Amino acid sequence: MKEMMRYGFTLAVICVIASGLLAAVNSLTQPRIIARAQAEEDAALSQLLPRASSFTPVKSGGEVIYYKGYDKDNKFLGAVFKASGKGYSSVIETMAGLTKDGRITAIKIVSQNETPGLGSKVAEPNFMLRFSAKDVRELSRVQAITGATISSTAVINSVAGKAREIEELIKNER
């Protein structure tokens, strides 16, 4: 019985030390992780709406819904938004650019954890180029990837749904 108590105490001490180390590493790395994610998002903004020189976030409840893009003369060009949909094995998060006349400029897969060689093909340029210059109402005609129908359909549907929503929000922008 005494030996069991000693093992239990030793295990508890190891767990406390490991938890403390994990908490310390997390507090040291979290600001860098957040800064890197923000830098990647900023770079994606200019890729998705290339003619825009500045972006303004539109928030609701503290969360960014989309970004308004303006040219150097402060003329509204369009919006960049995030969309996410459930793929075959993960949630696929996408960013897309939308012009004020309702055309997708480009999309970028921000995160996905789909099956390598199949579902992960949604992150390849060949698939993402299928969205370029498409009208919001034409997105249902984007061809899915053979063998990765669930993943590509998730991207298509999430971008189409969110694009229609954002189009309604920006229709009166000038």
Protein backbone atom coordinates (compact mmCIF):
# COMPACT_ATOMS: atom_id res chain seq x y z
CA MET A 1 0.00 0.00 0.00
CA LYS A 2 2.83 2.36 0.90
CA GLU A 3 4.52 1.63 -2.44
CA MET A 4 1.30 2.41 -4.35
CA MET A 5 1.09 5.78 -2.61
CA ARG A 6 4.69 6.55 -3.53
CA TYR A 7 4.03 5.68 -7.21
CA GLY A 8 0.90 7.81 -7.20
CA PHE A 9 2.74 10.75 -5.67
CA THR A 10 5.62 10.39 -8.17
CA LEU A 11 3.17 10.31 -11.06
CA ALA A 12 1.36 13.37 -9.73
CA VAL A 13 4.65 15.33 -9.46
CA ILE A 14 5.60 14.36 -13.02
CA CYS A 15 2.18 15.47 -14.28
CA VAL A 16 2.43 18.84 -12.50
CA ILE A 17 5.92 19.47 -13.91
CA ALA A 18 4.88 18.47 -17.45
CA SER A 19 1.76 20.64 -17.28
CA GLY A 20 3.79 23.60 -16.07
CA LEU A 21 6.31 23.18 -18.89
CA LEU A 22 3.54 22.95 -21.48
CA ALA A 23 1.90 26.08 -20.10
CA ALA A 24 5.23 27.96 -20.20
CA VAL A 25 5.96 26.91 -23.79
CA ASN A 26 2.43 27.87 -24.81
CA SER A 27 2.71 31.34 -23.26
CA LEU A 28 6.04 31.90 -25.01
CA THR A 29 4.96 30.73 -28.47
CA GLN A 30 1.35 31.94 -28.65
CA PRO A 31 2.17 35.58 -29.57
CA ARG A 32 4.42 34.37 -32.40
CA ILE A 33 1.75 31.98 -33.67
CA ILE A 34 -0.86 34.75 -33.68
CA ALA A 35 1.51 37.20 -35.40
CA ARG A 36 2.39 34.65 -38.08
CA ALA A 37 -1.26 33.81 -38.73
CA GLN A 38 -2.05 37.53 -39.08
CA ALA A 39 0.88 38.02 -41.48
CA GLU A 40 -0.33 35.10 -43.62
CA GLU A 41 -3.85 36.55 -43.65
CA ASP A 42 -2.55 39.99 -44.65
CA ALA A 43 -0.55 38.45 -47.50
CA ALA A 44 -3.62 36.49 -48.65
CA LEU A 45 -5.69 39.69 -48.75
CA SER A 46 -3.48 41.28 -51.36
CA GLN A 47 -3.32 38.02 -53.36
CA LEU A 48 -7.08 37.64 -53.44
CA LEU A 49 -7.92 41.25 -54.32
CA PRO A 50 -4.70 42.34 -56.06
CA ARG A 51 -5.86 45.78 -57.21
CA ALA A 52 -6.64 46.83 -53.63
CA SER A 53 -4.05 48.83 -51.74
CA SER A 54 -5.82 48.91 -48.37
CA PHE A 55 -8.24 46.73 -46.45
CA THR A 56 -10.70 47.52 -43.70
CA PRO A 57 -12.11 44.74 -41.53
CA VAL A 58 -15.87 44.60 -41.05
CA LYS A 59 -16.65 43.11 -37.66
CA SER A 60 -19.69 41.76 -35.93
CA GLY A 61 -19.50 40.81 -32.28
CA GLY A 62 -15.71 41.18 -32.25
CA GLU A 63 -15.26 38.73 -35.13
CA VAL A 64 -14.16 39.78 -38.63
CA ILE A 65 -16.90 38.95 -41.16
CA TYR A 66 -15.01 40.20 -44.21
CA TYR A 67 -12.51 42.80 -45.35
CA LYS A 68 -13.40 45.72 -47.63
CA GLY A 69 -10.77 46.40 -50.28
CA TYR A 70 -10.01 49.91 -51.54
CA ASP A 71 -7.69 51.19 -54.26
CA LYS A 72 -5.18 54.01 -53.78
CA ASP A 73 -7.93 56.59 -54.44
CA ASN A 74 -10.05 55.06 -51.65
CA LYS A 75 -12.53 53.64 -54.17
CA PHE A 76 -14.28 50.44 -53.08
CA LEU A 77 -13.18 47.45 -55.17
CA GLY A 78 -14.62 44.43 -53.39
CA ALA A 79 -14.31 42.19 -50.38
CA VAL A 80 -12.24 39.30 -49.10
CA PHE A 81 -13.93 36.76 -46.86
CA LYS A 82 -13.37 33.44 -45.14
CA ALA A 83 -15.56 30.42 -45.72
CA SER A 84 -15.38 26.98 -44.19
CA GLY A 85 -17.02 23.68 -44.96
CA LYS A 86 -16.81 20.11 -43.72
CA GLY A 87 -14.74 18.02 -46.12
CA TYR A 88 -14.18 14.28 -46.00
CA SER A 89 -11.92 14.26 -42.95
CA SER A 90 -11.60 17.85 -41.77
CA VAL A 91 -13.00 21.34 -41.93
CA ILE A 92 -11.61 23.13 -44.99
CA GLU A 93 -11.08 26.84 -44.43
CA THR A 94 -10.92 29.05 -47.51
CA MET A 95 -10.39 32.74 -48.23
CA ALA A 96 -11.86 34.29 -51.37
CA GLY A 97 -11.86 37.64 -53.10
CA LEU A 98 -15.13 39.07 -54.41
CA THR A 99 -15.42 42.10 -56.68
CA LYS A 100 -18.20 44.62 -56.16
CA ASP A 101 -19.93 43.29 -59.29
CA GLY A 102 -20.15 39.77 -57.83
CA ARG A 103 -17.18 37.96 -59.39
CA ILE A 104 -14.74 35.78 -57.52
CA THR A 105 -11.18 37.00 -58.16
CA ALA A 106 -9.43 34.02 -56.59
CA ILE A 107 -9.58 31.62 -53.69
CA LYS A 108 -6.93 30.32 -51.32
CA ILE A 109 -7.15 27.29 -49.06
CA VAL A 110 -6.08 28.53 -45.63
CA SER A 111 -6.27 25.22 -43.79
CA GLN A 112 -7.26 21.66 -44.57
CA ASN A 113 -6.36 18.23 -43.30
CA GLU A 114 -7.82 16.08 -46.05
CA THR A 115 -6.49 12.76 -47.31
CA PRO A 116 -3.08 13.32 -48.94
CA GLY A 117 -3.20 12.77 -52.69
CA LEU A 118 -7.01 12.90 -52.84
CA GLY A 119 -8.87 15.51 -50.81
CA SER A 120 -5.74 17.58 -50.36
CA LYS A 121 -5.91 18.34 -54.11
CA VAL A 122 -8.32 21.16 -53.24
CA ALA A 123 -5.25 23.18 -52.22
CA GLU A 124 -3.60 22.74 -55.63
CA PRO A 125 -3.57 25.69 -58.06
CA ASN A 126 -5.39 23.66 -60.73
CA PHE A 127 -8.50 23.45 -58.56
CA MET A 128 -8.32 26.96 -57.13
CA LEU A 129 -8.05 28.51 -60.62
CA ARG A 130 -11.48 27.07 -61.47
CA PHE A 131 -13.03 29.82 -59.32
CA SER A 132 -11.27 32.78 -60.96
CA ALA A 133 -13.55 35.31 -62.68
CA LYS A 134 -16.67 33.23 -61.92
CA ASP A 135 -19.89 34.99 -61.11
CA VAL A 136 -21.30 34.10 -57.68
CA ARG A 137 -24.29 32.42 -59.34
CA GLU A 138 -21.98 30.27 -61.52
CA LEU A 139 -20.03 28.70 -58.66
CA SER A 140 -22.26 25.62 -58.62
CA ARG A 141 -20.82 24.86 -62.08
CA VAL A 142 -17.25 24.60 -60.81
CA GLN A 143 -16.12 21.06 -61.56
CA ALA A 144 -15.29 18.89 -58.54
CA ILE A 145 -12.09 16.88 -58.37
CA THR A 146 -12.48 13.24 -59.39
CA GLY A 147 -11.87 11.05 -56.35
CA ALA A 148 -12.22 14.01 -54.00
CA THR A 149 -15.83 14.94 -54.57
CA ILE A 150 -16.67 15.49 -50.91
CA SER A 151 -13.70 17.78 -50.29
CA SER A 152 -14.09 19.81 -53.46
CA THR A 153 -17.86 20.07 -53.03
CA ALA A 154 -17.28 21.36 -49.49
CA VAL A 155 -15.06 24.13 -50.85
CA ILE A 156 -17.46 24.97 -53.68
CA ASN A 157 -20.53 25.09 -51.45
CA SER A 158 -18.86 27.03 -48.64
CA VAL A 159 -17.43 29.66 -50.99
CA ALA A 160 -20.72 29.95 -52.93
CA GLY A 161 -22.81 30.31 -49.77
CA LYS A 162 -20.57 32.85 -48.12
CA ALA A 163 -20.09 34.77 -51.40
CA ARG A 164 -23.86 35.22 -51.77
CA GLU A 165 -24.04 36.43 -48.17
CA ILE A 166 -21.18 38.91 -48.62
CA GLU A 167 -22.57 40.05 -51.98
CA GLU A 168 -25.76 41.11 -50.21
CA LEU A 169 -23.75 43.03 -47.61
CA ILE A 170 -21.65 44.95 -50.14
CA LYS A 171 -24.24 45.60 -52.85
CA ASN A 172 -24.74 49.22 -51.76
CA GLU A 173 -21.02 50.01 -51.33
CA ARG A 174 -19.51 52.68 -53.53
